[in-house]
Amino acid sequence: MTKVGAAIAICLLMGTTAIAQMNPLQSQTQQAVPQPSPQQLAMGYFAGPWKLTGTTRISPASPAAEYRATATGEWIPGNFFLEIRYVTHGPMGDIHMVRMMEYNPADSVYTYNEYNSLGEHVVAVGKIEGQKWVWNTTKKLNGVMTKGRYITTFVTQDAYSFKSEVQKPGGGWLTVTEGTATRMPAQNQ
């Protein structure tokens, strides 16, 4: 190799090293893709189609009426967030809802935001406690901020029971909606 060729080779090697030091990501052959945690994957229980039946009340003082709903949970690509779409049939007619679930690793809690066709927005924070998933909610009902609780009890891989409660002004809880959910066969795409 000539002196000129050796000098060019050394310059190229030094330039490549300098570039790699400036941007270490380029020196790696492939950067690791983030993977969902076991806590995030636990939300997958609600993926797929579900049928819900039970009773509900328009208000805590009203009589219980039949309640039916369908829910379909789908992962957002990457499996970090689960979107669930509901259509309920009850005393107020058909109500459509969208719920976005996530796991917040910084606070070690699950959260969801829910929006419905009545213009309501529900914010919930939850934890898994044994066989139950307990959510504490806040929402505005008739202009008043209301605290609630939504409890899902795992029965089997394909069935759970649920109960929605609102907090009484003096304390304690009133059941508004309760029932069971069963997984339906997946629809062929």
N, C-alpha and C. Protein backbone atom coordinates (compact mmCIF):
# COMPACT_ATOMS: atom_id res chain seq x y z
N MET A 1 0.85 -1.15 0.00
CA MET A 1 0.00 0.00 0.00
C MET A 1 0.91 1.22 0.00
N THR A 2 0.57 2.18 -0.81
CA THR A 2 1.36 3.40 -0.89
C THR A 2 1.11 4.27 0.32
N LYS A 3 1.98 5.26 0.52
CA LYS A 3 1.81 6.17 1.64
C LYS A 3 0.52 6.96 1.49
N VAL A 4 0.16 7.32 0.27
CA VAL A 4 -1.07 8.06 0.03
C VAL A 4 -2.28 7.18 0.35
N GLY A 5 -2.25 5.93 -0.09
CA GLY A 5 -3.35 4.99 0.17
C GLY A 5 -3.50 4.74 1.66
N ALA A 6 -2.37 4.58 2.36
CA ALA A 6 -2.42 4.35 3.81
C ALA A 6 -2.99 5.58 4.51
N ALA A 7 -2.62 6.76 4.06
CA ALA A 7 -3.13 7.99 4.67
C ALA A 7 -4.63 8.11 4.45
N ILE A 8 -5.11 7.76 3.26
CA ILE A 8 -6.55 7.80 2.97
C ILE A 8 -7.28 6.79 3.85
N ALA A 9 -6.74 5.59 4.00
CA ALA A 9 -7.37 4.56 4.82
C ALA A 9 -7.46 5.00 6.27
N ILE A 10 -6.39 5.62 6.78
CA ILE A 10 -6.40 6.10 8.17
C ILE A 10 -7.42 7.21 8.33
N CYS A 11 -7.52 8.12 7.38
CA CYS A 11 -8.52 9.21 7.44
C CYS A 11 -9.94 8.66 7.43
N LEU A 12 -10.19 7.66 6.57
CA LEU A 12 -11.52 7.06 6.50
C LEU A 12 -11.86 6.35 7.82
N LEU A 13 -10.89 5.63 8.40
CA LEU A 13 -11.11 4.93 9.65
C LEU A 13 -11.40 5.93 10.78
N MET A 14 -10.63 7.02 10.81
CA MET A 14 -10.83 8.04 11.85
C MET A 14 -12.18 8.74 11.66
N GLY A 15 -12.56 8.99 10.44
CA GLY A 15 -13.85 9.64 10.16
C GLY A 15 -15.01 8.75 10.56
N THR A 16 -14.91 7.45 10.26
CA THR A 16 -15.97 6.51 10.63
C THR A 16 -16.08 6.40 12.14
N THR A 17 -14.94 6.35 12.82
CA THR A 17 -14.94 6.28 14.29
C THR A 17 -15.56 7.53 14.89
N ALA A 18 -15.21 8.70 14.34
CA ALA A 18 -15.75 9.96 14.84
C ALA A 18 -17.27 10.01 14.65
N ILE A 19 -17.76 9.56 13.51
CA ILE A 19 -19.21 9.55 13.24
C ILE A 19 -19.91 8.60 14.20
N ALA A 20 -19.31 7.42 14.44
CA ALA A 20 -19.92 6.45 15.35
C ALA A 20 -19.97 7.00 16.78
N GLN A 21 -18.95 7.75 17.17
CA GLN A 21 -18.95 8.32 18.51
C GLN A 21 -19.98 9.44 18.63
N MET A 22 -20.20 10.20 17.54
CA MET A 22 -21.19 11.27 17.57
C MET A 22 -22.60 10.71 17.63
N ASN A 23 -22.87 9.60 16.97
CA ASN A 23 -24.19 9.01 16.92
C ASN A 23 -24.07 7.51 17.19
N PRO A 24 -24.05 7.09 18.47
CA PRO A 24 -23.86 5.68 18.78
C PRO A 24 -24.99 4.78 18.27
N LEU A 25 -26.19 5.33 18.03
CA LEU A 25 -27.29 4.51 17.52
C LEU A 25 -26.98 3.98 16.13
N GLN A 26 -26.23 4.74 15.34
CA GLN A 26 -25.90 4.28 14.00
C GLN A 26 -24.88 3.16 14.04
N SER A 27 -24.10 3.08 15.13
CA SER A 27 -23.09 2.03 15.20
C SER A 27 -23.70 0.70 15.60
N GLN A 28 -24.89 0.70 16.16
CA GLN A 28 -25.56 -0.54 16.51
C GLN A 28 -26.23 -1.10 15.26
N THR A 29 -26.18 -2.43 15.13
CA THR A 29 -26.79 -3.02 13.95
C THR A 29 -28.30 -2.91 13.98
N GLN A 30 -28.91 -3.07 15.17
CA GLN A 30 -30.36 -2.93 15.26
C GLN A 30 -30.70 -2.55 16.70
N GLN A 31 -31.55 -1.54 16.85
CA GLN A 31 -31.97 -1.10 18.17
C GLN A 31 -33.12 -1.97 18.64
N ALA A 32 -33.15 -2.28 19.94
CA ALA A 32 -34.21 -3.12 20.50
C ALA A 32 -35.56 -2.42 20.40
N VAL A 33 -36.57 -3.17 19.97
CA VAL A 33 -37.94 -2.66 19.87
C VAL A 33 -38.59 -2.83 21.25
N PRO A 34 -39.26 -1.79 21.80
CA PRO A 34 -39.91 -1.93 23.11
C PRO A 34 -40.94 -3.06 23.08
N GLN A 35 -41.01 -3.80 24.17
CA GLN A 35 -41.95 -4.90 24.30
C GLN A 35 -42.90 -4.61 25.46
N PRO A 36 -44.18 -4.98 25.33
CA PRO A 36 -45.12 -4.76 26.43
C PRO A 36 -44.76 -5.62 27.64
N SER A 37 -45.04 -5.08 28.83
CA SER A 37 -44.77 -5.79 30.08
C SER A 37 -45.89 -6.80 30.35
N PRO A 38 -45.67 -7.72 31.29
CA PRO A 38 -46.76 -8.64 31.67
C PRO A 38 -48.01 -7.90 32.14
N GLN A 39 -47.83 -6.76 32.81
CA GLN A 39 -48.98 -5.98 33.28
C GLN A 39 -49.76 -5.43 32.09
N GLN A 40 -49.06 -4.99 31.06
CA GLN A 40 -49.75 -4.49 29.87
C GLN A 40 -50.45 -5.63 29.15
N LEU A 41 -49.80 -6.77 29.05
CA LEU A 41 -50.42 -7.91 28.37
C LEU A 41 -51.64 -8.44 29.11
N ALA A 42 -51.74 -8.19 30.43
CA ALA A 42 -52.91 -8.64 31.21
C ALA A 42 -54.20 -8.01 30.69
N MET A 43 -54.10 -6.82 30.08
CA MET A 43 -55.30 -6.17 29.53
C MET A 43 -55.89 -6.99 28.39
N GLY A 44 -55.09 -7.87 27.79
CA GLY A 44 -55.55 -8.69 26.68
C GLY A 44 -56.70 -9.61 27.05
N TYR A 45 -56.95 -9.80 28.34
CA TYR A 45 -58.11 -10.58 28.78
C TYR A 45 -59.38 -10.03 28.14
N PHE A 46 -59.46 -8.71 27.99
CA PHE A 46 -60.67 -8.07 27.47
C PHE A 46 -60.68 -7.96 25.94
N ALA A 47 -59.66 -8.49 25.27
CA ALA A 47 -59.63 -8.45 23.81
C ALA A 47 -60.69 -9.39 23.25
N GLY A 48 -61.16 -9.07 22.06
CA GLY A 48 -62.15 -9.90 21.40
C GLY A 48 -63.57 -9.47 21.71
N PRO A 49 -64.54 -10.24 21.21
CA PRO A 49 -65.95 -9.88 21.41
C PRO A 49 -66.52 -10.46 22.70
N TRP A 50 -67.33 -9.65 23.39
CA TRP A 50 -67.98 -10.04 24.64
C TRP A 50 -69.47 -9.68 24.58
N LYS A 51 -70.27 -10.44 25.32
CA LYS A 51 -71.70 -10.15 25.49
C LYS A 51 -71.92 -9.92 26.98
N LEU A 52 -72.55 -8.79 27.32
CA LEU A 52 -72.81 -8.43 28.71
C LEU A 52 -74.32 -8.39 28.94
N THR A 53 -74.76 -8.93 30.07
CA THR A 53 -76.17 -8.87 30.45
C THR A 53 -76.26 -8.58 31.94
N GLY A 54 -77.35 -7.93 32.33
CA GLY A 54 -77.55 -7.63 33.74
C GLY A 54 -78.65 -6.62 33.93
N THR A 55 -78.51 -5.81 34.99
CA THR A 55 -79.49 -4.78 35.28
C THR A 55 -78.77 -3.44 35.47
N THR A 56 -79.50 -2.37 35.22
CA THR A 56 -78.95 -1.03 35.41
C THR A 56 -80.06 -0.10 35.88
N ARG A 57 -79.65 1.02 36.39
CA ARG A 57 -80.59 2.06 36.86
C ARG A 57 -80.21 3.38 36.20
N ILE A 58 -81.21 4.18 35.86
CA ILE A 58 -80.95 5.51 35.31
C ILE A 58 -80.34 6.38 36.40
N SER A 59 -80.82 6.18 37.63
CA SER A 59 -80.26 6.89 38.79
C SER A 59 -80.28 5.91 39.95
N PRO A 60 -79.54 6.19 41.01
CA PRO A 60 -79.56 5.26 42.16
C PRO A 60 -80.94 5.03 42.75
N ALA A 61 -81.87 5.98 42.59
CA ALA A 61 -83.21 5.85 43.16
C ALA A 61 -84.20 5.15 42.22
N SER A 62 -83.86 4.99 40.94
CA SER A 62 -84.80 4.40 39.99
C SER A 62 -84.78 2.87 40.10
N PRO A 63 -85.85 2.22 39.62
CA PRO A 63 -85.88 0.75 39.66
C PRO A 63 -84.89 0.16 38.65
N ALA A 64 -84.42 -1.05 38.93
CA ALA A 64 -83.49 -1.74 38.02
C ALA A 64 -84.22 -2.14 36.75
N ALA A 65 -83.53 -2.02 35.62
CA ALA A 65 -84.07 -2.42 34.31
C ALA A 65 -83.05 -3.32 33.62
N GLU A 66 -83.54 -4.08 32.65
CA GLU A 66 -82.66 -4.98 31.90
C GLU A 66 -81.59 -4.19 31.17
N TYR A 67 -80.41 -4.79 31.13
CA TYR A 67 -79.24 -4.17 30.49
C TYR A 67 -78.58 -5.23 29.62
N ARG A 68 -78.30 -4.88 28.38
CA ARG A 68 -77.56 -5.76 27.47
C ARG A 68 -76.51 -4.92 26.77
N ALA A 69 -75.39 -5.53 26.45
CA ALA A 69 -74.33 -4.80 25.74
C ALA A 69 -73.44 -5.77 25.00
N THR A 70 -72.77 -5.23 24.01
CA THR A 70 -71.68 -5.96 23.36
C THR A 70 -70.43 -5.11 23.51
N ALA A 71 -69.31 -5.78 23.62
CA ALA A 71 -68.03 -5.09 23.74
C ALA A 71 -67.02 -5.80 22.86
N THR A 72 -66.18 -5.03 22.20
CA THR A 72 -65.12 -5.61 21.38
C THR A 72 -63.83 -4.90 21.72
N GLY A 73 -62.87 -5.67 22.25
CA GLY A 73 -61.57 -5.12 22.61
C GLY A 73 -60.53 -5.44 21.54
N GLU A 74 -59.78 -4.42 21.15
CA GLU A 74 -58.72 -4.61 20.15
C GLU A 74 -57.45 -3.91 20.61
N TRP A 75 -56.33 -4.60 20.43
CA TRP A 75 -55.03 -4.00 20.73
C TRP A 75 -54.70 -2.91 19.73
N ILE A 76 -54.14 -1.82 20.21
CA ILE A 76 -53.51 -0.84 19.34
C ILE A 76 -52.18 -1.48 18.95
N PRO A 77 -51.73 -1.43 17.69
CA PRO A 77 -50.47 -2.09 17.31
C PRO A 77 -49.34 -1.77 18.31
N GLY A 78 -48.67 -2.81 18.74
CA GLY A 78 -47.61 -2.71 19.72
C GLY A 78 -48.02 -3.35 21.05
N ASN A 79 -49.34 -3.52 21.27
CA ASN A 79 -49.90 -4.15 22.47
C ASN A 79 -49.58 -3.41 23.78
N PHE A 80 -49.55 -2.08 23.72
CA PHE A 80 -49.39 -1.27 24.92
C PHE A 80 -50.72 -0.68 25.37
N PHE A 81 -51.70 -0.54 24.46
CA PHE A 81 -52.99 0.07 24.75
C PHE A 81 -54.08 -0.82 24.18
N LEU A 82 -55.19 -0.94 24.89
CA LEU A 82 -56.33 -1.73 24.43
C LEU A 82 -57.53 -0.81 24.30
N GLU A 83 -58.14 -0.83 23.12
CA GLU A 83 -59.35 -0.03 22.87
C GLU A 83 -60.55 -0.96 22.91
N ILE A 84 -61.56 -0.58 23.71
CA ILE A 84 -62.77 -1.39 23.80
C ILE A 84 -63.95 -0.53 23.38
N ARG A 85 -64.74 -1.04 22.43
CA ARG A 85 -65.93 -0.35 21.95
C ARG A 85 -67.16 -1.11 22.47
N TYR A 86 -68.05 -0.35 23.09
CA TYR A 86 -69.27 -0.91 23.67
C TYR A 86 -70.50 -0.34 22.95
N VAL A 87 -71.53 -1.15 22.87
CA VAL A 87 -72.86 -0.68 22.50
C VAL A 87 -73.79 -1.27 23.55
N THR A 88 -74.43 -0.38 24.33
CA THR A 88 -75.32 -0.84 25.39
C THR A 88 -76.76 -0.59 24.99
N HIS A 89 -77.64 -1.47 25.48
CA HIS A 89 -79.08 -1.36 25.25
C HIS A 89 -79.74 -1.42 26.62
N GLY A 90 -80.35 -0.31 27.03
CA GLY A 90 -80.97 -0.26 28.35
C GLY A 90 -82.08 0.76 28.40
N PRO A 91 -82.45 1.21 29.58
CA PRO A 91 -83.59 2.11 29.74
C PRO A 91 -83.40 3.47 29.06
N MET A 92 -82.16 3.86 28.76
CA MET A 92 -81.92 5.14 28.07
C MET A 92 -81.70 4.95 26.57
N GLY A 93 -82.02 3.75 26.06
CA GLY A 93 -81.81 3.48 24.64
C GLY A 93 -80.40 2.95 24.39
N ASP A 94 -79.96 3.09 23.15
CA ASP A 94 -78.63 2.60 22.77
C ASP A 94 -77.59 3.67 23.08
N ILE A 95 -76.54 3.27 23.78
CA ILE A 95 -75.44 4.17 24.11
C ILE A 95 -74.16 3.54 23.60
N HIS A 96 -73.37 4.32 22.89
CA HIS A 96 -72.09 3.86 22.36
C HIS A 96 -70.96 4.43 23.22
N MET A 97 -69.97 3.57 23.51
CA MET A 97 -68.84 4.00 24.34
C MET A 97 -67.53 3.51 23.73
N VAL A 98 -66.48 4.28 23.98
CA VAL A 98 -65.12 3.87 23.62
C VAL A 98 -64.28 4.03 24.88
N ARG A 99 -63.55 2.98 25.23
CA ARG A 99 -62.67 3.00 26.40
C ARG A 99 -61.25 2.69 25.93
N MET A 100 -60.29 3.50 26.36
CA MET A 100 -58.88 3.26 26.06
C MET A 100 -58.18 2.90 27.36
N MET A 101 -57.66 1.67 27.42
CA MET A 101 -56.98 1.19 28.62
C MET A 101 -55.48 1.23 28.44
N GLU A 102 -54.78 1.47 29.56
CA GLU A 102 -53.32 1.42 29.54
C GLU A 102 -52.81 1.03 30.91
N TYR A 103 -51.54 0.64 30.97
CA TYR A 103 -50.86 0.42 32.24
C TYR A 103 -49.81 1.51 32.37
N ASN A 104 -49.80 2.19 33.52
CA ASN A 104 -48.85 3.24 33.79
C ASN A 104 -47.76 2.66 34.69
N PRO A 105 -46.60 2.28 34.11
CA PRO A 105 -45.56 1.65 34.93
C PRO A 105 -44.95 2.60 35.97
N ALA A 106 -44.95 3.90 35.71
CA ALA A 106 -44.37 4.85 36.66
C ALA A 106 -45.15 4.86 37.98
N ASP A 107 -46.48 4.69 37.91
CA ASP A 107 -47.32 4.70 39.10
C ASP A 107 -47.84 3.31 39.48
N SER A 108 -47.50 2.29 38.69
CA SER A 108 -47.95 0.91 38.92
C SER A 108 -49.47 0.80 39.00
N VAL A 109 -50.18 1.51 38.10
CA VAL A 109 -51.64 1.45 38.06
C VAL A 109 -52.11 1.35 36.61
N TYR A 110 -53.31 0.84 36.46
CA TYR A 110 -53.99 0.84 35.18
C TYR A 110 -54.84 2.10 35.11
N THR A 111 -55.05 2.61 33.91
CA THR A 111 -55.94 3.75 33.74
C THR A 111 -56.81 3.51 32.51
N TYR A 112 -57.96 4.14 32.50
CA TYR A 112 -58.73 4.20 31.27
C TYR A 112 -59.45 5.52 31.18
N ASN A 113 -59.65 5.93 29.94
CA ASN A 113 -60.49 7.07 29.61
C ASN A 113 -61.63 6.51 28.79
N GLU A 114 -62.84 6.90 29.14
CA GLU A 114 -64.02 6.39 28.44
C GLU A 114 -64.86 7.58 28.00
N TYR A 115 -65.34 7.47 26.77
CA TYR A 115 -66.18 8.52 26.18
C TYR A 115 -67.45 7.85 25.68
N ASN A 116 -68.62 8.52 25.86
CA ASN A 116 -69.84 7.88 25.38
C ASN A 116 -70.71 8.85 24.59
N SER A 117 -71.74 8.29 23.96
CA SER A 117 -72.61 9.08 23.09
C SER A 117 -73.54 10.01 23.86
N LEU A 118 -73.48 10.02 25.19
CA LEU A 118 -74.23 10.98 26.00
C LEU A 118 -73.38 12.21 26.30
N GLY A 119 -72.14 12.21 25.80
CA GLY A 119 -71.24 13.34 26.03
C GLY A 119 -70.48 13.23 27.34
N GLU A 120 -70.50 12.07 27.97
CA GLU A 120 -69.79 11.89 29.23
C GLU A 120 -68.36 11.42 28.99
N HIS A 121 -67.49 11.84 29.90
CA HIS A 121 -66.08 11.41 29.90
C HIS A 121 -65.79 10.84 31.28
N VAL A 122 -65.37 9.60 31.34
CA VAL A 122 -65.07 8.93 32.60
C VAL A 122 -63.57 8.68 32.65
N VAL A 123 -62.95 9.00 33.78
CA VAL A 123 -61.53 8.73 34.01
C VAL A 123 -61.45 7.73 35.15
N ALA A 124 -60.65 6.67 34.97
CA ALA A 124 -60.56 5.63 35.99
C ALA A 124 -59.11 5.24 36.25
N VAL A 125 -58.85 4.87 37.49
CA VAL A 125 -57.56 4.34 37.90
C VAL A 125 -57.85 3.01 38.58
N GLY A 126 -57.12 1.96 38.20
CA GLY A 126 -57.42 0.65 38.74
C GLY A 126 -56.22 -0.20 39.05
N LYS A 127 -56.47 -1.24 39.84
CA LYS A 127 -55.46 -2.22 40.21
C LYS A 127 -56.12 -3.59 40.23
N ILE A 128 -55.31 -4.60 39.96
CA ILE A 128 -55.78 -5.98 40.08
C ILE A 128 -55.55 -6.39 41.53
N GLU A 129 -56.62 -6.88 42.18
CA GLU A 129 -56.57 -7.32 43.56
C GLU A 129 -57.09 -8.75 43.62
N GLY A 130 -56.21 -9.71 43.52
CA GLY A 130 -56.62 -11.12 43.48
C GLY A 130 -57.38 -11.42 42.21
N GLN A 131 -58.64 -11.84 42.36
CA GLN A 131 -59.50 -12.16 41.21
C GLN A 131 -60.31 -10.96 40.75
N LYS A 132 -60.04 -9.78 41.32
CA LYS A 132 -60.83 -8.60 40.97
C LYS A 132 -59.95 -7.52 40.37
N TRP A 133 -60.56 -6.78 39.45
CA TRP A 133 -59.95 -5.58 38.89
C TRP A 133 -60.81 -4.44 39.40
N VAL A 134 -60.27 -3.62 40.30
CA VAL A 134 -61.05 -2.56 40.94
C VAL A 134 -60.64 -1.22 40.36
N TRP A 135 -61.62 -0.51 39.81
CA TRP A 135 -61.41 0.80 39.19
C TRP A 135 -62.10 1.87 40.02
N ASN A 136 -61.43 2.95 40.31
CA ASN A 136 -62.04 4.13 40.92
C ASN A 136 -62.23 5.15 39.82
N THR A 137 -63.45 5.67 39.71
CA THR A 137 -63.78 6.54 38.59
C THR A 137 -64.23 7.92 39.07
N THR A 138 -64.12 8.86 38.16
CA THR A 138 -64.73 10.18 38.35
C THR A 138 -65.43 10.55 37.05
N LYS A 139 -66.63 11.10 37.17
CA LYS A 139 -67.34 11.58 35.99
C LYS A 139 -68.34 12.62 36.42
N LYS A 140 -68.74 13.42 35.48
CA LYS A 140 -69.71 14.48 35.74
C LYS A 140 -71.09 13.95 35.36
N LEU A 141 -72.01 13.92 36.33
CA LEU A 141 -73.39 13.49 36.10
C LEU A 141 -74.30 14.65 36.43
N ASN A 142 -75.06 15.09 35.44
CA ASN A 142 -75.97 16.22 35.62
C ASN A 142 -75.26 17.43 36.21
N GLY A 143 -74.04 17.68 35.75
CA GLY A 143 -73.28 18.84 36.20
C GLY A 143 -72.56 18.67 37.52
N VAL A 144 -72.65 17.49 38.14
CA VAL A 144 -72.03 17.25 39.44
C VAL A 144 -70.93 16.19 39.28
N MET A 145 -69.72 16.47 39.81
CA MET A 145 -68.64 15.48 39.78
C MET A 145 -69.02 14.35 40.72
N THR A 146 -68.97 13.14 40.21
CA THR A 146 -69.37 11.96 40.96
C THR A 146 -68.23 10.97 41.01
N LYS A 147 -68.00 10.39 42.19
CA LYS A 147 -67.01 9.33 42.34
C LYS A 147 -67.73 8.01 42.18
N GLY A 148 -67.06 7.10 41.50
CA GLY A 148 -67.64 5.79 41.29
C GLY A 148 -66.61 4.70 41.45
N ARG A 149 -67.10 3.49 41.33
CA ARG A 149 -66.23 2.32 41.43
C ARG A 149 -66.77 1.29 40.46
N TYR A 150 -65.87 0.69 39.69
CA TYR A 150 -66.25 -0.35 38.74
C TYR A 150 -65.42 -1.57 39.09
N ILE A 151 -66.08 -2.68 39.40
CA ILE A 151 -65.38 -3.89 39.84
C ILE A 151 -65.65 -5.01 38.85
N THR A 152 -64.58 -5.57 38.32
CA THR A 152 -64.66 -6.73 37.46
C THR A 152 -64.11 -7.92 38.25
N THR A 153 -64.87 -9.00 38.34
CA THR A 153 -64.41 -10.21 39.02
C THR A 153 -64.21 -11.30 37.98
N PHE A 154 -62.99 -11.80 37.89
CA PHE A 154 -62.67 -12.85 36.91
C PHE A 154 -63.28 -14.17 37.38
N VAL A 155 -64.12 -14.77 36.55
CA VAL A 155 -64.75 -16.04 36.86
C VAL A 155 -64.00 -17.17 36.16
N THR A 156 -63.86 -17.04 34.85
CA THR A 156 -63.07 -17.99 34.05
C THR A 156 -62.34 -17.19 32.98
N GLN A 157 -61.62 -17.88 32.12
CA GLN A 157 -60.94 -17.21 31.01
C GLN A 157 -61.95 -16.55 30.05
N ASP A 158 -63.19 -17.05 30.06
CA ASP A 158 -64.20 -16.56 29.13
C ASP A 158 -65.42 -15.95 29.80
N ALA A 159 -65.32 -15.61 31.07
CA ALA A 159 -66.47 -15.02 31.77
C ALA A 159 -66.00 -14.19 32.96
N TYR A 160 -66.70 -13.08 33.18
CA TYR A 160 -66.46 -12.26 34.36
C TYR A 160 -67.77 -11.62 34.80
N SER A 161 -67.82 -11.23 36.06
CA SER A 161 -68.97 -10.46 36.55
C SER A 161 -68.51 -9.02 36.73
N PHE A 162 -69.46 -8.10 36.74
CA PHE A 162 -69.11 -6.69 36.88
C PHE A 162 -70.16 -5.98 37.72
N LYS A 163 -69.71 -4.90 38.35
CA LYS A 163 -70.61 -4.07 39.16
C LYS A 163 -70.11 -2.64 39.08
N SER A 164 -71.02 -1.72 38.82
CA SER A 164 -70.71 -0.30 38.78
C SER A 164 -71.46 0.37 39.93
N GLU A 165 -70.73 1.14 40.74
CA GLU A 165 -71.32 1.78 41.90
C GLU A 165 -70.99 3.26 41.90
N VAL A 166 -71.85 4.06 42.56
CA VAL A 166 -71.58 5.48 42.78
C VAL A 166 -71.53 5.72 44.28
N GLN A 167 -70.71 6.69 44.66
CA GLN A 167 -70.57 7.00 46.08
C GLN A 167 -71.73 7.87 46.55
N LYS A 168 -72.31 7.52 47.69
CA LYS A 168 -73.37 8.33 48.30
C LYS A 168 -72.75 9.60 48.87
N PRO A 169 -73.50 10.69 48.93
CA PRO A 169 -72.97 11.93 49.50
C PRO A 169 -72.40 11.76 50.91
N GLY A 170 -73.01 10.94 51.74
CA GLY A 170 -72.53 10.74 53.10
C GLY A 170 -71.55 9.60 53.25
N GLY A 171 -71.20 8.94 52.16
CA GLY A 171 -70.32 7.77 52.21
C GLY A 171 -71.07 6.52 51.84
N GLY A 172 -70.37 5.46 51.62
CA GLY A 172 -70.98 4.20 51.19
C GLY A 172 -71.20 4.19 49.69
N TRP A 173 -71.68 3.06 49.18
CA TRP A 173 -71.83 2.89 47.73
C TRP A 173 -73.22 2.40 47.37
N LEU A 174 -73.72 2.85 46.22
CA LEU A 174 -74.99 2.38 45.65
C LEU A 174 -74.69 1.70 44.32
N THR A 175 -75.23 0.49 44.13
CA THR A 175 -75.04 -0.23 42.88
C THR A 175 -75.93 0.37 41.80
N VAL A 176 -75.32 0.68 40.65
CA VAL A 176 -76.07 1.23 39.52
C VAL A 176 -76.24 0.16 38.44
N THR A 177 -75.18 -0.56 38.13
CA THR A 177 -75.22 -1.59 37.09
C THR A 177 -74.49 -2.81 37.60
N GLU A 178 -75.05 -4.00 37.30
CA GLU A 178 -74.34 -5.24 37.63
C GLU A 178 -74.78 -6.32 36.68
N GLY A 179 -73.88 -7.30 36.47
CA GLY A 179 -74.21 -8.37 35.56
C GLY A 179 -73.03 -9.27 35.29
N THR A 180 -73.13 -9.99 34.18
CA THR A 180 -72.07 -10.92 33.78
C THR A 180 -71.70 -10.67 32.33
N ALA A 181 -70.49 -11.07 31.99
CA ALA A 181 -70.00 -10.97 30.61
C ALA A 181 -69.46 -12.32 30.19
N THR A 182 -69.75 -12.70 28.96
CA THR A 182 -69.21 -13.95 28.41
C THR A 182 -68.56 -13.66 27.06
N ARG A 183 -67.43 -14.32 26.86
CA ARG A 183 -66.72 -14.15 25.59
C ARG A 183 -67.52 -14.81 24.47
N MET A 184 -67.63 -14.14 23.34
CA MET A 184 -68.33 -14.68 22.19
C MET A 184 -67.30 -15.24 21.22
N PRO A 185 -67.69 -16.15 20.34
CA PRO A 185 -66.75 -16.64 19.35
C PRO A 185 -66.24 -15.51 18.48
N ALA A 186 -64.96 -15.56 18.12
CA ALA A 186 -64.37 -14.52 17.27
C ALA A 186 -65.01 -14.58 15.88
N GLN A 187 -65.26 -13.42 15.32
CA GLN A 187 -65.81 -13.33 13.97
C GLN A 187 -64.70 -13.56 12.96
N ASN A 188 -64.98 -14.31 11.93
CA ASN A 188 -63.98 -14.48 10.86
C ASN A 188 -63.83 -13.19 10.10
N GLN A 189 -62.61 -12.77 9.91
CA GLN A 189 -62.33 -11.53 9.22
C GLN A 189 -62.45 -11.71 7.72
